[in-house]
Amino acid sequence: MNETFESEQKCKVLLQDGKRLFDLELYDEAIVCFNDALDDLTTDESLIIKNLMYKGRCFKKLKNHKDALFCFEKVLGYMSNHEFALRMRGICLFELKDFKNAIECFTRAQNVNHKEPAYWWWKSNCYDKLGDFDRMGECNNKYFDLYFKNPDDDKPEV
C-alpha cells in the first residue's frame, strides 16, 4: 500500500478521534490527536486546515488565545479568505485586546460573507473598547439591520 495513502488514512482517523474528544470537551486530549495528525500531513491541505481549525478551537476553549491565534493564522496562510478562520482570528485578537487588528479581521471576513451580522456585532464591541462610540453606533445599526432583515433565517451565534 502507498505510504502517503496510509499516512492520510491515519490522519483522517486522528482527525475523527480529535473531533470526538472536542465534542466531549476534552480539549487537551483532542489537541494531541490534531498534533499527531499534523506531524504526518504534508500534502493534503484540506486535512491540514481541518486539523488546524479544530486545534485552534481547542486552544480557544481553553482560553489560550495566543496558541489559538497561531493556528488560525496558519490556516489563513493556506487559504487567505477562510471565513471561519478570519472570524476566529478576530475573536482571539479581541480577547487579546488587539482591537484594531480584530476590526481589520472582521472586515476581511465581511468581504467573504457580507450577509453575516455577527461581524458588525464584533466590530461594534471593538469600537466600544477603543472609545469610538460613533463607529460603535454605526456598527450596531448595521448589525440590527442585517439581523432582522430576514426574520426566518437562522441567526448566528455571536
N, C-alpha and C. Protein backbone atom coordinates (compact mmCIF):
# COMPACT_ATOMS: atom_id res chain seq x y z
N MET A 1 0.84 -1.18 0.00
CA MET A 1 0.00 0.00 0.00
C MET A 1 0.89 1.25 0.00
N ASN A 2 0.42 2.27 -0.63
CA ASN A 2 1.15 3.52 -0.75
C ASN A 2 1.32 4.17 0.62
N GLU A 3 2.55 4.59 0.92
CA GLU A 3 2.84 5.19 2.23
C GLU A 3 2.06 6.49 2.45
N THR A 4 1.91 7.28 1.40
CA THR A 4 1.16 8.54 1.51
C THR A 4 -0.31 8.25 1.82
N PHE A 5 -0.88 7.24 1.16
CA PHE A 5 -2.27 6.87 1.40
C PHE A 5 -2.45 6.42 2.85
N GLU A 6 -1.55 5.58 3.34
CA GLU A 6 -1.63 5.11 4.73
C GLU A 6 -1.54 6.27 5.71
N SER A 7 -0.65 7.20 5.42
CA SER A 7 -0.48 8.37 6.30
C SER A 7 -1.75 9.21 6.32
N GLU A 8 -2.35 9.42 5.14
CA GLU A 8 -3.58 10.21 5.08
C GLU A 8 -4.73 9.51 5.79
N GLN A 9 -4.81 8.20 5.67
CA GLN A 9 -5.85 7.44 6.36
C GLN A 9 -5.67 7.57 7.88
N LYS A 10 -4.44 7.46 8.34
CA LYS A 10 -4.14 7.61 9.77
C LYS A 10 -4.55 9.01 10.24
N CYS A 11 -4.26 10.00 9.43
CA CYS A 11 -4.59 11.38 9.79
C CYS A 11 -6.10 11.60 9.83
N LYS A 12 -6.82 10.96 8.94
CA LYS A 12 -8.29 11.07 8.96
C LYS A 12 -8.86 10.46 10.24
N VAL A 13 -8.29 9.33 10.65
CA VAL A 13 -8.73 8.69 11.89
C VAL A 13 -8.41 9.59 13.09
N LEU A 14 -7.20 10.16 13.08
CA LEU A 14 -6.82 11.07 14.18
C LEU A 14 -7.73 12.29 14.21
N LEU A 15 -8.08 12.82 13.05
CA LEU A 15 -9.00 13.96 12.98
C LEU A 15 -10.35 13.58 13.59
N GLN A 16 -10.88 12.42 13.22
CA GLN A 16 -12.16 11.98 13.76
C GLN A 16 -12.08 11.78 15.28
N ASP A 17 -10.98 11.18 15.73
CA ASP A 17 -10.79 11.00 17.17
C ASP A 17 -10.72 12.35 17.88
N GLY A 18 -9.99 13.28 17.28
CA GLY A 18 -9.89 14.62 17.86
C GLY A 18 -11.24 15.32 17.91
N LYS A 19 -12.04 15.17 16.86
CA LYS A 19 -13.38 15.77 16.84
C LYS A 19 -14.25 15.20 17.97
N ARG A 20 -14.17 13.89 18.15
CA ARG A 20 -14.96 13.26 19.22
C ARG A 20 -14.54 13.81 20.58
N LEU A 21 -13.23 13.92 20.78
CA LEU A 21 -12.72 14.47 22.05
C LEU A 21 -13.13 15.93 22.21
N PHE A 22 -13.11 16.68 21.13
CA PHE A 22 -13.56 18.07 21.15
C PHE A 22 -15.02 18.14 21.59
N ASP A 23 -15.86 17.29 20.99
CA ASP A 23 -17.29 17.28 21.34
C ASP A 23 -17.51 16.89 22.80
N LEU A 24 -16.60 16.10 23.35
CA LEU A 24 -16.68 15.70 24.76
C LEU A 24 -16.02 16.73 25.68
N GLU A 25 -15.56 17.83 25.09
CA GLU A 25 -14.89 18.92 25.80
C GLU A 25 -13.58 18.46 26.46
N LEU A 26 -12.93 17.49 25.85
CA LEU A 26 -11.62 17.01 26.30
C LEU A 26 -10.58 17.65 25.38
N TYR A 27 -10.40 18.95 25.56
CA TYR A 27 -9.63 19.74 24.61
C TYR A 27 -8.14 19.40 24.61
N ASP A 28 -7.54 19.20 25.76
CA ASP A 28 -6.12 18.85 25.79
C ASP A 28 -5.86 17.53 25.06
N GLU A 29 -6.72 16.55 25.26
CA GLU A 29 -6.58 15.27 24.59
C GLU A 29 -6.81 15.41 23.09
N ALA A 30 -7.75 16.24 22.72
CA ALA A 30 -8.03 16.46 21.29
C ALA A 30 -6.82 17.10 20.61
N ILE A 31 -6.18 18.05 21.29
CA ILE A 31 -5.01 18.71 20.72
C ILE A 31 -3.92 17.69 20.40
N VAL A 32 -3.76 16.68 21.25
CA VAL A 32 -2.77 15.63 21.00
C VAL A 32 -3.08 14.94 19.67
N CYS A 33 -4.35 14.61 19.44
CA CYS A 33 -4.75 13.97 18.18
C CYS A 33 -4.44 14.87 16.98
N PHE A 34 -4.81 16.14 17.10
CA PHE A 34 -4.58 17.06 15.98
C PHE A 34 -3.09 17.24 15.73
N ASN A 35 -2.29 17.32 16.80
CA ASN A 35 -0.84 17.43 16.63
C ASN A 35 -0.27 16.20 15.94
N ASP A 36 -0.72 15.01 16.36
CA ASP A 36 -0.23 13.77 15.74
C ASP A 36 -0.58 13.74 14.25
N ALA A 37 -1.78 14.17 13.92
CA ALA A 37 -2.19 14.21 12.52
C ALA A 37 -1.34 15.21 11.74
N LEU A 38 -1.14 16.38 12.32
CA LEU A 38 -0.36 17.42 11.63
C LEU A 38 1.10 17.03 11.46
N ASP A 39 1.62 16.22 12.37
CA ASP A 39 3.01 15.75 12.24
C ASP A 39 3.20 14.91 10.98
N ASP A 40 2.15 14.19 10.57
CA ASP A 40 2.24 13.30 9.41
C ASP A 40 1.77 13.93 8.11
N LEU A 41 1.01 14.99 8.20
CA LEU A 41 0.44 15.59 7.00
C LEU A 41 1.46 16.51 6.32
N THR A 42 1.59 16.33 5.02
CA THR A 42 2.47 17.22 4.27
C THR A 42 1.83 17.76 3.00
N THR A 43 0.88 17.00 2.43
CA THR A 43 0.37 17.40 1.13
C THR A 43 -1.12 17.71 1.09
N ASP A 44 -1.91 17.13 1.95
CA ASP A 44 -3.36 17.32 1.88
C ASP A 44 -3.75 18.58 2.65
N GLU A 45 -3.80 19.69 1.92
CA GLU A 45 -4.10 20.98 2.56
C GLU A 45 -5.45 20.99 3.25
N SER A 46 -6.41 20.30 2.68
CA SER A 46 -7.75 20.27 3.28
C SER A 46 -7.70 19.64 4.67
N LEU A 47 -6.98 18.54 4.81
CA LEU A 47 -6.84 17.90 6.12
C LEU A 47 -6.01 18.75 7.08
N ILE A 48 -5.00 19.40 6.56
CA ILE A 48 -4.17 20.29 7.39
C ILE A 48 -5.05 21.40 7.96
N ILE A 49 -5.84 22.01 7.10
CA ILE A 49 -6.71 23.12 7.52
C ILE A 49 -7.72 22.64 8.57
N LYS A 50 -8.35 21.49 8.34
CA LYS A 50 -9.33 20.98 9.30
C LYS A 50 -8.69 20.74 10.66
N ASN A 51 -7.51 20.12 10.67
CA ASN A 51 -6.82 19.85 11.93
C ASN A 51 -6.43 21.15 12.62
N LEU A 52 -5.92 22.11 11.87
CA LEU A 52 -5.54 23.39 12.46
C LEU A 52 -6.74 24.14 13.02
N MET A 53 -7.87 24.08 12.31
CA MET A 53 -9.07 24.77 12.79
C MET A 53 -9.55 24.16 14.10
N TYR A 54 -9.60 22.84 14.15
CA TYR A 54 -10.04 22.21 15.40
C TYR A 54 -9.04 22.45 16.53
N LYS A 55 -7.77 22.37 16.20
CA LYS A 55 -6.74 22.62 17.21
C LYS A 55 -6.88 24.05 17.75
N GLY A 56 -7.08 25.00 16.86
CA GLY A 56 -7.28 26.39 17.28
C GLY A 56 -8.52 26.55 18.14
N ARG A 57 -9.58 25.87 17.78
CA ARG A 57 -10.81 25.95 18.56
C ARG A 57 -10.61 25.35 19.95
N CYS A 58 -9.80 24.28 20.03
CA CYS A 58 -9.49 23.70 21.35
C CYS A 58 -8.76 24.72 22.21
N PHE A 59 -7.74 25.34 21.62
CA PHE A 59 -6.98 26.35 22.38
C PHE A 59 -7.90 27.49 22.82
N LYS A 60 -8.81 27.90 21.93
CA LYS A 60 -9.72 28.98 22.28
C LYS A 60 -10.62 28.57 23.44
N LYS A 61 -11.14 27.35 23.41
CA LYS A 61 -11.98 26.86 24.50
C LYS A 61 -11.20 26.83 25.82
N LEU A 62 -9.90 26.58 25.72
CA LEU A 62 -9.03 26.56 26.90
C LEU A 62 -8.57 27.98 27.29
N LYS A 63 -9.07 28.97 26.56
CA LYS A 63 -8.74 30.38 26.77
C LYS A 63 -7.24 30.67 26.54
N ASN A 64 -6.63 29.84 25.71
CA ASN A 64 -5.25 30.06 25.29
C ASN A 64 -5.30 30.74 23.92
N HIS A 65 -5.57 32.03 23.95
CA HIS A 65 -5.85 32.78 22.73
C HIS A 65 -4.62 32.96 21.84
N LYS A 66 -3.44 32.99 22.43
CA LYS A 66 -2.23 33.14 21.61
C LYS A 66 -1.99 31.91 20.74
N ASP A 67 -2.11 30.71 21.32
CA ASP A 67 -1.92 29.50 20.53
C ASP A 67 -3.06 29.31 19.54
N ALA A 68 -4.27 29.69 19.93
CA ALA A 68 -5.40 29.62 19.01
C ALA A 68 -5.15 30.54 17.82
N LEU A 69 -4.71 31.74 18.11
CA LEU A 69 -4.42 32.72 17.07
C LEU A 69 -3.39 32.16 16.09
N PHE A 70 -2.35 31.53 16.61
CA PHE A 70 -1.31 30.93 15.77
C PHE A 70 -1.92 29.91 14.79
N CYS A 71 -2.81 29.08 15.29
CA CYS A 71 -3.46 28.07 14.43
C CYS A 71 -4.29 28.73 13.33
N PHE A 72 -5.09 29.72 13.70
CA PHE A 72 -5.94 30.37 12.71
C PHE A 72 -5.11 31.14 11.68
N GLU A 73 -4.00 31.71 12.11
CA GLU A 73 -3.13 32.40 11.16
C GLU A 73 -2.47 31.41 10.20
N LYS A 74 -2.15 30.21 10.68
CA LYS A 74 -1.60 29.19 9.79
C LYS A 74 -2.63 28.78 8.74
N VAL A 75 -3.89 28.66 9.16
CA VAL A 75 -4.96 28.33 8.20
C VAL A 75 -5.02 29.42 7.14
N LEU A 76 -4.95 30.68 7.56
CA LEU A 76 -5.04 31.79 6.61
C LEU A 76 -3.83 31.81 5.68
N GLY A 77 -2.72 31.21 6.10
CA GLY A 77 -1.58 31.06 5.21
C GLY A 77 -1.86 30.10 4.07
N TYR A 78 -2.74 29.14 4.30
CA TYR A 78 -3.15 28.21 3.26
C TYR A 78 -4.30 28.77 2.43
N MET A 79 -5.22 29.46 3.11
CA MET A 79 -6.43 29.95 2.46
C MET A 79 -6.77 31.31 3.07
N SER A 80 -6.34 32.36 2.41
CA SER A 80 -6.42 33.71 2.99
C SER A 80 -7.85 34.21 3.18
N ASN A 81 -8.82 33.61 2.52
CA ASN A 81 -10.20 34.06 2.66
C ASN A 81 -11.07 33.04 3.39
N HIS A 82 -10.46 32.22 4.23
CA HIS A 82 -11.21 31.22 5.01
C HIS A 82 -12.05 31.97 6.05
N GLU A 83 -13.34 32.04 5.81
CA GLU A 83 -14.21 32.89 6.63
C GLU A 83 -14.18 32.54 8.11
N PHE A 84 -14.26 31.26 8.45
CA PHE A 84 -14.30 30.89 9.85
C PHE A 84 -12.96 31.17 10.54
N ALA A 85 -11.86 30.98 9.82
CA ALA A 85 -10.54 31.29 10.39
C ALA A 85 -10.41 32.79 10.62
N LEU A 86 -10.93 33.59 9.69
CA LEU A 86 -10.91 35.05 9.88
C LEU A 86 -11.74 35.44 11.10
N ARG A 87 -12.89 34.82 11.22
CA ARG A 87 -13.77 35.12 12.36
C ARG A 87 -13.09 34.75 13.68
N MET A 88 -12.54 33.54 13.74
CA MET A 88 -11.91 33.08 14.97
C MET A 88 -10.65 33.89 15.27
N ARG A 89 -9.90 34.24 14.25
CA ARG A 89 -8.71 35.09 14.45
C ARG A 89 -9.14 36.43 15.04
N GLY A 90 -10.21 37.01 14.50
CA GLY A 90 -10.71 38.28 15.01
C GLY A 90 -11.14 38.18 16.47
N ILE A 91 -11.80 37.10 16.81
CA ILE A 91 -12.25 36.91 18.20
C ILE A 91 -11.05 36.76 19.13
N CYS A 92 -10.04 36.01 18.68
CA CYS A 92 -8.82 35.88 19.51
C CYS A 92 -8.14 37.23 19.69
N LEU A 93 -8.04 38.00 18.62
CA LEU A 93 -7.43 39.32 18.72
C LEU A 93 -8.23 40.20 19.68
N PHE A 94 -9.55 40.09 19.63
CA PHE A 94 -10.39 40.82 20.57
C PHE A 94 -10.06 40.42 22.00
N GLU A 95 -9.98 39.13 22.25
CA GLU A 95 -9.68 38.63 23.60
C GLU A 95 -8.29 39.07 24.06
N LEU A 96 -7.39 39.24 23.11
CA LEU A 96 -6.03 39.69 23.42
C LEU A 96 -5.94 41.22 23.45
N LYS A 97 -7.10 41.88 23.31
CA LYS A 97 -7.22 43.34 23.38
C LYS A 97 -6.49 44.06 22.23
N ASP A 98 -6.37 43.38 21.11
CA ASP A 98 -5.80 43.97 19.89
C ASP A 98 -6.98 44.36 18.99
N PHE A 99 -7.69 45.39 19.42
CA PHE A 99 -8.97 45.73 18.82
C PHE A 99 -8.85 46.23 17.38
N LYS A 100 -7.81 46.99 17.06
CA LYS A 100 -7.66 47.50 15.69
C LYS A 100 -7.44 46.35 14.70
N ASN A 101 -6.59 45.40 15.05
CA ASN A 101 -6.38 44.26 14.15
C ASN A 101 -7.61 43.34 14.12
N ALA A 102 -8.35 43.27 15.21
CA ALA A 102 -9.59 42.49 15.21
C ALA A 102 -10.58 43.10 14.23
N ILE A 103 -10.71 44.42 14.23
CA ILE A 103 -11.61 45.10 13.29
C ILE A 103 -11.20 44.78 11.86
N GLU A 104 -9.91 44.84 11.59
CA GLU A 104 -9.41 44.54 10.24
C GLU A 104 -9.79 43.11 9.85
N CYS A 105 -9.69 42.20 10.80
CA CYS A 105 -10.01 40.80 10.55
C CYS A 105 -11.50 40.61 10.27
N PHE A 106 -12.34 41.23 11.07
CA PHE A 106 -13.78 41.12 10.85
C PHE A 106 -14.19 41.77 9.53
N THR A 107 -13.49 42.84 9.15
CA THR A 107 -13.76 43.48 7.86
C THR A 107 -13.39 42.53 6.71
N ARG A 108 -12.27 41.85 6.84
CA ARG A 108 -11.88 40.85 5.82
C ARG A 108 -12.93 39.74 5.74
N ALA A 109 -13.43 39.31 6.89
CA ALA A 109 -14.46 38.27 6.90
C ALA A 109 -15.73 38.78 6.22
N GLN A 110 -16.05 40.05 6.43
CA GLN A 110 -17.23 40.64 5.78
C GLN A 110 -17.07 40.65 4.27
N ASN A 111 -15.84 40.80 3.80
CA ASN A 111 -15.60 40.77 2.35
C ASN A 111 -15.89 39.38 1.77
N VAL A 112 -15.77 38.36 2.60
CA VAL A 112 -16.08 37.00 2.18
C VAL A 112 -17.58 36.74 2.29
N ASN A 113 -18.20 37.22 3.36
CA ASN A 113 -19.62 36.98 3.59
C ASN A 113 -20.25 38.26 4.15
N HIS A 114 -20.75 39.09 3.26
CA HIS A 114 -21.31 40.39 3.66
C HIS A 114 -22.68 40.28 4.32
N LYS A 115 -23.27 39.09 4.34
CA LYS A 115 -24.60 38.91 4.94
C LYS A 115 -24.54 38.49 6.40
N GLU A 116 -23.35 38.26 6.93
CA GLU A 116 -23.20 37.78 8.30
C GLU A 116 -23.24 38.95 9.29
N PRO A 117 -24.30 39.05 10.10
CA PRO A 117 -24.42 40.18 11.03
C PRO A 117 -23.41 40.13 12.18
N ALA A 118 -22.92 38.97 12.53
CA ALA A 118 -22.03 38.85 13.70
C ALA A 118 -20.77 39.70 13.56
N TYR A 119 -20.32 39.91 12.32
CA TYR A 119 -19.10 40.72 12.14
C TYR A 119 -19.34 42.17 12.57
N TRP A 120 -20.53 42.67 12.28
CA TRP A 120 -20.87 44.02 12.74
C TRP A 120 -20.92 44.07 14.26
N TRP A 121 -21.45 43.02 14.88
CA TRP A 121 -21.53 42.96 16.33
C TRP A 121 -20.13 42.99 16.95
N TRP A 122 -19.23 42.18 16.40
CA TRP A 122 -17.86 42.15 16.93
C TRP A 122 -17.16 43.49 16.70
N LYS A 123 -17.35 44.09 15.53
CA LYS A 123 -16.72 45.38 15.27
C LYS A 123 -17.26 46.44 16.22
N SER A 124 -18.56 46.39 16.50
CA SER A 124 -19.15 47.31 17.45
C SER A 124 -18.47 47.19 18.81
N ASN A 125 -18.25 45.98 19.26
CA ASN A 125 -17.57 45.76 20.54
C ASN A 125 -16.14 46.28 20.53
N CYS A 126 -15.47 46.11 19.42
CA CYS A 126 -14.09 46.63 19.30
C CYS A 126 -14.09 48.15 19.40
N TYR A 127 -14.98 48.79 18.64
CA TYR A 127 -15.04 50.25 18.68
C TYR A 127 -15.42 50.75 20.07
N ASP A 128 -16.28 50.01 20.75
CA ASP A 128 -16.63 50.35 22.12
C ASP A 128 -15.38 50.35 23.00
N LYS A 129 -14.57 49.31 22.88
CA LYS A 129 -13.34 49.21 23.69
C LYS A 129 -12.35 50.31 23.33
N LEU A 130 -12.38 50.75 22.07
CA LEU A 130 -11.48 51.82 21.63
C LEU A 130 -12.03 53.20 21.96
N GLY A 131 -13.27 53.26 22.46
CA GLY A 131 -13.87 54.54 22.80
C GLY A 131 -14.40 55.31 21.60
N ASP A 132 -14.54 54.65 20.45
CA ASP A 132 -15.05 55.28 19.24
C ASP A 132 -16.55 54.97 19.16
N PHE A 133 -17.33 55.76 19.89
CA PHE A 133 -18.75 55.46 20.06
C PHE A 133 -19.58 55.77 18.82
N ASP A 134 -19.11 56.69 17.97
CA ASP A 134 -19.82 56.94 16.71
C ASP A 134 -19.77 55.70 15.82
N ARG A 135 -18.57 55.16 15.65
CA ARG A 135 -18.45 53.95 14.82
C ARG A 135 -19.14 52.76 15.49
N MET A 136 -19.07 52.71 16.81
CA MET A 136 -19.76 51.64 17.52
C MET A 136 -21.26 51.68 17.18
N GLY A 137 -21.84 52.86 17.23
CA GLY A 137 -23.27 53.02 16.90
C GLY A 137 -23.58 52.65 15.47
N GLU A 138 -22.71 53.05 14.53
CA GLU A 138 -22.90 52.69 13.13
C GLU A 138 -22.91 51.17 12.96
N CYS A 139 -21.97 50.51 13.62
CA CYS A 139 -21.88 49.05 13.52
C CYS A 139 -23.09 48.37 14.16
N ASN A 140 -23.54 48.91 15.28
CA ASN A 140 -24.75 48.36 15.92
C ASN A 140 -25.95 48.46 14.99
N ASN A 141 -26.09 49.63 14.34
CA ASN A 141 -27.21 49.82 13.42
C ASN A 141 -27.14 48.83 12.26
N LYS A 142 -25.96 48.63 11.71
CA LYS A 142 -25.81 47.69 10.59
C LYS A 142 -26.04 46.26 11.06
N TYR A 143 -25.59 45.95 12.28
CA TYR A 143 -25.84 44.62 12.84
C TYR A 143 -27.34 44.35 12.92
N PHE A 144 -28.10 45.29 13.51
CA PHE A 144 -29.53 45.08 13.67
C PHE A 144 -30.26 45.08 12.32
N ASP A 145 -29.80 45.92 11.38
CA ASP A 145 -30.39 45.90 10.04
C ASP A 145 -30.26 44.52 9.41
N LEU A 146 -29.06 43.95 9.47
CA LEU A 146 -28.84 42.62 8.89
C LEU A 146 -29.54 41.53 9.69
N TYR A 147 -29.47 41.64 10.99
CA TYR A 147 -30.01 40.60 11.86
C TYR A 147 -31.51 40.43 11.66
N PHE A 148 -32.22 41.55 11.51
CA PHE A 148 -33.67 41.49 11.40
C PHE A 148 -34.17 41.55 9.96
N LYS A 149 -33.25 41.62 9.00
CA LYS A 149 -33.63 41.70 7.60
C LYS A 149 -34.40 40.46 7.15
N ASN A 150 -33.93 39.30 7.58
CA ASN A 150 -34.56 38.04 7.21
C ASN A 150 -34.96 37.30 8.50
N PRO A 151 -36.12 37.61 9.05
CA PRO A 151 -36.51 37.06 10.36
C PRO A 151 -36.63 35.54 10.39
N ASP A 152 -36.81 34.90 9.24
CA ASP A 152 -36.97 33.45 9.23
C ASP A 152 -35.62 32.72 9.15
N ASP A 153 -34.55 33.43 8.87
CA ASP A 153 -33.22 32.81 8.79
C ASP A 153 -32.72 32.42 10.17
N ASP A 154 -31.89 31.39 10.20
CA ASP A 154 -31.21 31.05 11.46
C ASP A 154 -30.27 32.21 11.79
N LYS A 155 -30.24 32.59 13.04
CA LYS A 155 -29.40 33.69 13.48
C LYS A 155 -28.03 33.15 13.93
N PRO A 156 -26.99 33.88 13.66
CA PRO A 156 -25.66 33.42 14.02
C PRO A 156 -25.41 33.56 15.51
N GLU A 157 -24.53 32.71 16.00
CA GLU A 157 -24.04 32.90 17.36
C GLU A 157 -22.99 33.98 17.29
N VAL A 158 -23.01 34.89 18.23
CA VAL A 158 -22.01 35.96 18.25
C VAL A 158 -21.02 35.80 19.35
